[in-house]
């Protein structure tokens, strides 16, 4: 009976779970766009991260307006950096530029083997993506991963509630994903203005991942750079948030080149954000994509001295 229940739960998660179905579709779209860019353009820019990346980088605009072949591999923060990294690496080729756009909140905490990463890795038939095994050397945790296929009580009752109320089973739909992998939503929600942590530092897990990425890039002839995600900051918090981000970037810059974005990840235009303080609207994504295009073309990077000065400015 227990085995039958586990098999039923696994079947639901792999083929029916609306969240997994959406992100499996999104991953397929992103891979197809990257394949197209490599066929038609040669080398490409592969930009990856969580949803702050998914909603921010309009590859179609960057190709048409700036002549830059860019694929957006942003997905969901709950999948955590190892899975997000491994998925992007699968579509990265020699002479490409890999742009790491993971927000600081994902790189300042330990990695936690999340269920969502295991579910996505198994749904894609790629269990070695779950812990970025080919990059990190971490083994595949088969028992743990299979047990992660069981949907929790929260998921079950939330789904029942949505069915009862006639609401969409997941907040995003396939039509929200553009061919380049860029994601949008019509939903608008109030935004929170979170407190600013005093001293963000790379976690040991994040440091090991970035160092492994640096070595991988050198071995595979891929330029690996970091780009800070844009998040909403109220006008009164823009300066302290930029100082906090400069401290974080100063540490990242010791491992990877950091693209020189003058906003330092704190964007105060409320109208440029949709349903969270990380999800840009089409207007916000246009501004972010244009700024990134300038940085990539000019190969503009922060120096350690510049970042150090920014952390000390009153």
Protein backbone atom coordinates (compact mmCIF):
# COMPACT_ATOMS: atom_id res chain seq x y z
CA UNK A 1 0.00 0.00 0.00
CA UNK A 2 2.79 2.42 0.91
CA UNK A 3 4.59 1.69 -2.37
CA UNK A 4 1.37 2.22 -4.35
CA UNK A 5 0.79 5.53 -2.58
CA UNK A 6 4.32 6.69 -3.36
CA UNK A 7 3.94 5.72 -7.01
CA UNK A 8 0.64 7.61 -7.25
CA UNK A 9 2.21 10.68 -5.61
CA UNK A 10 5.18 10.50 -7.97
CA UNK A 11 2.93 10.21 -11.01
CA UNK A 12 0.94 13.24 -9.89
CA UNK A 13 4.05 15.34 -9.26
CA UNK A 14 5.82 14.40 -12.49
CA UNK A 15 2.89 14.75 -14.88
CA UNK A 16 -0.05 16.56 -13.24
CA UNK A 17 1.30 19.03 -10.68
CA UNK A 18 0.46 22.44 -12.27
CA UNK A 19 3.59 24.12 -10.91
CA UNK A 20 5.93 21.45 -12.27
CA UNK A 21 4.07 21.36 -15.58
CA UNK A 22 4.51 25.12 -15.94
CA UNK A 23 8.22 25.13 -15.17
CA UNK A 24 8.91 22.07 -17.29
CA UNK A 25 7.27 23.93 -20.20
CA UNK A 26 9.27 27.07 -19.40
CA UNK A 27 12.52 25.09 -19.37
CA UNK A 28 11.69 23.60 -22.76
CA UNK A 29 11.02 27.08 -24.21
CA UNK A 30 14.31 28.40 -22.87
CA UNK A 31 16.29 25.46 -24.24
CA UNK A 32 14.67 25.83 -27.66
CA UNK A 33 15.55 29.55 -27.82
CA UNK A 34 19.15 28.89 -26.80
CA UNK A 35 19.42 26.17 -29.47
CA UNK A 36 18.05 28.61 -32.05
CA UNK A 37 20.56 31.29 -31.05
CA UNK A 38 23.45 28.88 -31.32
CA UNK A 39 22.31 27.74 -34.78
CA UNK A 40 21.67 31.22 -36.14
CA UNK A 41 24.05 33.47 -34.19
CA UNK A 42 26.90 31.23 -33.06
CA UNK A 43 27.88 32.28 -29.55
CA UNK A 44 25.17 33.45 -27.15
CA UNK A 45 24.64 35.07 -23.75
CA UNK A 46 23.00 32.68 -21.30
CA UNK A 47 21.49 34.64 -18.40
CA UNK A 48 20.17 32.63 -15.47
CA UNK A 49 18.80 33.07 -11.99
CA UNK A 50 15.48 32.84 -10.19
CA UNK A 51 12.24 34.65 -11.01
CA UNK A 52 13.97 38.04 -10.69
CA UNK A 53 15.81 36.98 -13.84
CA UNK A 54 12.83 35.32 -15.52
CA UNK A 55 10.80 38.56 -15.36
CA UNK A 56 13.67 40.92 -16.19
CA UNK A 57 15.57 39.86 -19.30
CA UNK A 58 13.75 40.25 -22.62
CA UNK A 59 15.87 38.27 -25.07
CA UNK A 60 13.71 39.25 -28.03
CA UNK A 61 14.26 42.93 -27.33
CA UNK A 62 17.98 42.44 -26.79
CA UNK A 63 18.31 40.68 -30.12
CA UNK A 64 16.18 43.11 -32.13
CA UNK A 65 17.29 46.39 -30.53
CA UNK A 66 20.87 45.62 -29.50
CA UNK A 67 21.90 42.74 -31.75
CA UNK A 68 22.71 40.57 -28.72
CA UNK A 69 21.71 36.88 -28.76
CA UNK A 70 20.44 36.40 -25.19
CA UNK A 71 18.59 33.44 -23.68
CA UNK A 72 16.76 33.87 -20.37
CA UNK A 73 17.10 30.83 -18.08
CA UNK A 74 15.46 32.36 -15.03
CA UNK A 75 13.10 30.02 -13.18
CA UNK A 76 12.03 29.78 -9.50
CA UNK A 77 14.02 30.65 -6.35
CA UNK A 78 12.72 27.50 -4.66
CA UNK A 79 14.82 25.38 -7.02
CA UNK A 80 17.98 26.89 -5.45
CA UNK A 81 21.30 27.82 -7.12
CA UNK A 82 22.73 24.32 -7.87
CA UNK A 83 19.75 23.25 -10.00
CA UNK A 84 19.36 26.67 -11.64
CA UNK A 85 23.05 26.68 -12.49
CA UNK A 86 23.11 23.15 -13.87
CA UNK A 87 20.10 23.75 -16.11
CA UNK A 88 21.74 26.84 -17.62
CA UNK A 89 25.05 25.04 -18.13
CA UNK A 90 23.33 22.38 -20.24
CA UNK A 91 22.60 25.03 -22.87
CA UNK A 92 25.92 26.89 -22.61
CA UNK A 93 28.50 26.31 -25.35
CA UNK A 94 32.17 27.26 -25.84
CA UNK A 95 32.57 30.99 -26.65
CA UNK A 96 29.29 31.81 -24.87
CA UNK A 97 29.02 34.24 -21.98
CA UNK A 98 27.25 32.89 -18.90
CA UNK A 99 25.65 35.67 -16.85
CA UNK A 100 24.96 34.62 -13.27
CA UNK A 101 21.96 36.69 -12.11
CA UNK A 102 21.15 34.93 -8.84
CA UNK A 103 19.90 37.44 -6.27
CA UNK A 104 21.91 37.85 -3.05
CA UNK A 105 19.25 36.17 -0.89
CA UNK A 106 19.98 32.89 -2.68
CA UNK A 107 23.74 33.17 -2.22
CA UNK A 108 23.93 34.19 1.43
CA UNK A 109 22.22 31.11 2.91
CA UNK A 110 23.11 27.39 2.93
CA UNK A 111 21.72 25.28 0.10
CA UNK A 112 18.96 23.04 1.39
CA UNK A 113 18.23 20.24 -1.14
CA UNK A 114 14.74 21.60 -1.90
CA UNK A 115 11.87 19.39 -3.01
CA UNK A 116 11.20 21.65 -6.01
CA UNK A 117 14.66 21.04 -7.45
CA UNK A 118 14.27 17.28 -7.03
CA UNK A 119 10.83 17.37 -8.61
CA UNK A 120 12.05 19.40 -11.58
CA UNK A 121 15.17 17.32 -12.08
CA UNK A 122 13.18 14.10 -12.15
CA UNK A 123 10.37 15.62 -14.26
CA UNK A 124 12.97 16.60 -16.86
CA UNK A 125 14.58 13.16 -16.65
CA UNK A 126 17.81 14.82 -15.48
CA UNK A 127 18.51 13.82 -11.85
CA UNK A 128 22.10 15.06 -12.07
CA UNK A 129 20.78 18.61 -12.36
CA UNK A 130 19.34 18.55 -8.85
CA UNK A 131 22.64 19.14 -7.05
CA UNK A 132 24.58 20.22 -10.16
CA UNK A 133 26.42 16.91 -9.90
CA UNK A 134 28.50 17.37 -13.05
CA UNK A 135 29.75 20.72 -11.75
CA UNK A 136 30.04 20.11 -8.02
CA UNK A 137 30.75 16.39 -7.89
CA UNK A 138 27.81 15.90 -5.54
CA UNK A 139 26.25 12.48 -5.90
CA UNK A 140 22.59 11.93 -6.83
CA UNK A 141 20.58 11.37 -3.65
CA UNK A 142 18.09 8.91 -5.08
CA UNK A 143 16.07 8.07 -1.97
CA UNK A 144 15.80 11.68 -0.86
CA UNK A 145 14.87 12.82 -4.37
CA UNK A 146 12.18 10.18 -4.88
CA UNK A 147 10.64 10.94 -1.48
CA UNK A 148 10.51 14.60 -2.53
CA UNK A 149 7.92 13.66 -5.13
CA UNK A 150 5.25 13.39 -2.43
CA UNK A 151 3.08 16.55 -2.47
CA UNK A 152 2.64 18.06 0.98
CA UNK A 153 -0.64 18.74 2.76
CA UNK A 154 -0.34 22.49 2.05
CA UNK A 155 -0.11 21.84 -1.68
CA UNK A 156 -3.03 19.40 -1.57
CA UNK A 157 -5.45 21.67 0.31
CA UNK A 158 -4.39 24.76 -1.63
CA UNK A 159 -5.14 22.94 -4.87
CA UNK A 160 -8.53 21.80 -3.58
CA UNK A 161 -9.35 25.37 -2.62
CA UNK A 162 -8.47 26.67 -6.07
CA UNK A 163 -10.60 24.00 -7.71
CA UNK A 164 -13.53 24.82 -5.42
CA UNK A 165 -13.25 28.55 -6.16
CA UNK A 166 -12.72 28.06 -9.89
CA UNK A 167 -9.30 29.76 -9.78
CA UNK A 168 -6.34 28.90 -12.00
CA UNK A 169 -4.40 25.96 -10.59
CA UNK A 170 -1.14 27.92 -10.80
CA UNK A 171 -0.59 31.66 -10.78
CA UNK A 172 1.40 31.62 -14.05
CA UNK A 173 0.45 30.06 -17.38
CA UNK A 174 2.37 28.94 -20.49
CA UNK A 175 1.28 32.04 -22.39
CA UNK A 176 3.18 34.14 -19.83
CA UNK A 177 6.47 32.76 -21.20
CA UNK A 178 7.79 34.45 -24.35
CA UNK A 179 9.88 32.50 -26.93
CA UNK A 180 13.13 33.90 -25.50
CA UNK A 181 12.28 32.56 -22.03
CA UNK A 182 11.24 35.98 -20.70
CA UNK A 183 8.22 35.75 -18.39
CA UNK A 184 5.44 38.26 -17.74
CA UNK A 185 2.21 38.46 -15.73
CA UNK A 186 -0.84 40.70 -15.71
CA UNK A 187 -1.18 40.31 -11.97
CA UNK A 188 -0.41 43.29 -9.74
CA UNK A 189 0.01 43.10 -5.97
CA UNK A 190 1.15 45.41 -3.14
CA UNK A 191 4.90 45.30 -2.61
CA UNK A 192 6.79 44.82 0.62
CA UNK A 193 9.88 46.86 1.42
CA UNK A 194 11.98 44.33 3.34
CA UNK A 195 14.49 45.23 6.00
CA UNK A 196 18.10 45.58 4.90
CA UNK A 197 20.47 42.96 6.34
CA UNK A 198 23.57 44.60 7.81
CA UNK A 199 26.32 42.47 6.34
CA UNK A 200 25.38 40.07 3.51
CA UNK A 201 28.09 37.47 2.98
CA UNK A 202 28.42 34.61 0.56
CA UNK A 203 27.54 31.35 2.24
CA UNK A 204 30.18 28.58 2.10
CA UNK A 205 27.88 26.67 -0.28
CA UNK A 206 27.58 29.68 -2.58
CA UNK A 207 31.31 30.33 -2.52
CA UNK A 208 32.03 26.74 -3.53
CA UNK A 209 29.47 26.96 -6.35
CA UNK A 210 30.87 30.21 -7.76
CA UNK A 211 34.43 28.91 -7.58
CA UNK A 212 33.36 25.74 -9.39
CA UNK A 213 31.67 27.90 -12.03
CA UNK A 214 34.82 29.94 -12.48
CA UNK A 215 36.88 26.78 -13.04
CA UNK A 216 34.21 25.36 -15.37
CA UNK A 217 34.25 28.53 -17.47
CA UNK A 218 38.03 28.47 -17.80
CA UNK A 219 37.98 24.81 -18.82
CA UNK A 220 35.12 25.17 -21.31
CA UNK A 221 36.06 28.54 -22.87
CA UNK A 222 33.02 30.28 -21.41
CA UNK A 223 33.18 33.77 -19.93
CA UNK A 224 31.35 33.70 -16.58
CA UNK A 225 30.23 37.04 -15.12
CA UNK A 226 27.83 38.18 -12.40
CA UNK A 227 24.91 40.59 -12.80
CA UNK A 228 22.97 41.87 -9.79
CA UNK A 229 19.21 41.46 -10.06
CA UNK A 230 16.96 44.52 -9.85
CA UNK A 231 14.63 44.68 -6.86
CA UNK A 232 12.23 47.39 -5.82
CA UNK A 233 13.41 49.74 -3.08
CA UNK A 234 11.42 52.64 -1.67
CA UNK A 235 13.13 56.01 -2.21
CA UNK A 236 14.20 56.24 1.43
CA UNK A 237 15.86 52.81 1.26
CA UNK A 238 17.63 53.14 -2.08
CA UNK A 239 20.92 54.42 -0.65
CA UNK A 240 21.29 51.89 2.21
CA UNK A 241 20.21 49.04 -0.09
CA UNK A 242 22.82 50.04 -2.67
CA UNK A 243 25.48 50.18 0.01
CA UNK A 244 24.45 46.72 1.22
CA UNK A 245 24.58 45.39 -2.33
CA UNK A 246 28.01 46.97 -2.88
CA UNK A 247 29.31 45.07 0.15
CA UNK A 248 27.90 41.86 -1.27
CA UNK A 249 29.30 42.55 -4.74
CA UNK A 250 32.73 43.28 -3.33
CA UNK A 251 32.84 39.69 -2.13
CA UNK A 252 31.47 38.26 -5.39
CA UNK A 253 34.03 40.30 -7.36
CA UNK A 254 36.77 38.32 -5.64
CA UNK A 255 35.57 35.31 -7.64
CA UNK A 256 33.76 36.52 -10.77
CA UNK A 257 33.76 39.79 -12.74
CA UNK A 258 30.70 41.85 -11.74
CA UNK A 259 28.89 43.83 -14.43
CA UNK A 260 28.82 47.54 -13.66
CA UNK A 261 25.16 48.40 -13.14
CA UNK A 262 24.83 51.90 -11.70
CA UNK A 263 21.54 51.02 -9.99
CA UNK A 264 23.34 48.49 -7.78
CA UNK A 265 20.21 46.37 -7.78
CA UNK A 266 17.95 48.95 -6.08
CA UNK A 267 15.31 50.25 -8.51
CA UNK A 268 12.88 52.81 -7.00
CA UNK A 269 10.28 52.96 -9.80
CA UNK A 270 7.21 51.31 -8.29
CA UNK A 271 5.38 51.12 -11.62
CA UNK A 272 8.13 48.86 -12.99
CA UNK A 273 7.15 45.96 -10.71
CA UNK A 274 4.23 43.57 -10.98
CA UNK A 275 3.24 41.02 -8.33
CA UNK A 276 6.43 41.02 -6.20
CA UNK A 277 9.34 43.37 -5.54
CA UNK A 278 11.47 41.18 -7.86
CA UNK A 279 9.11 40.76 -10.84
CA UNK A 280 9.48 43.50 -13.42
CA UNK A 281 6.68 44.62 -15.73
CA UNK A 282 7.31 44.87 -19.46
CA UNK A 283 8.42 48.50 -18.99
CA UNK A 284 10.74 47.56 -16.17
CA UNK A 285 12.13 44.62 -18.15
CA UNK A 286 12.82 46.93 -21.09
CA UNK A 287 14.86 49.23 -18.83
CA UNK A 288 16.73 46.32 -17.23
CA UNK A 289 17.40 44.63 -20.59
CA UNK A 290 18.68 47.86 -22.16
CA UNK A 291 20.98 48.53 -19.20
CA UNK A 292 22.33 44.98 -19.35
CA UNK A 293 22.92 45.27 -23.10
CA UNK A 294 25.09 48.37 -22.58
CA UNK A 295 27.14 46.61 -19.91
CA UNK A 296 27.64 43.47 -21.99
CA UNK A 297 28.67 45.38 -25.09
CA UNK A 298 31.10 47.60 -23.22
CA UNK A 299 32.35 44.82 -20.94
CA UNK A 300 31.90 47.18 -17.99
CA UNK A 301 32.85 45.68 -14.61
CA UNK A 302 33.09 47.08 -11.09
CA UNK A 303 36.56 47.31 -9.60
CA UNK A 304 37.16 46.34 -5.98
CA UNK A 305 38.17 49.93 -5.24
CA UNK A 306 34.93 51.35 -6.66
CA UNK A 307 32.79 48.92 -4.68
CA UNK A 308 34.73 49.63 -1.49
CA UNK A 309 34.14 53.38 -1.92
CA UNK A 310 30.43 52.82 -2.48
CA UNK A 311 30.09 50.96 0.81
CA UNK A 312 31.60 53.90 2.69
CA UNK A 313 29.64 56.76 1.10
CA UNK A 314 27.39 58.60 3.61
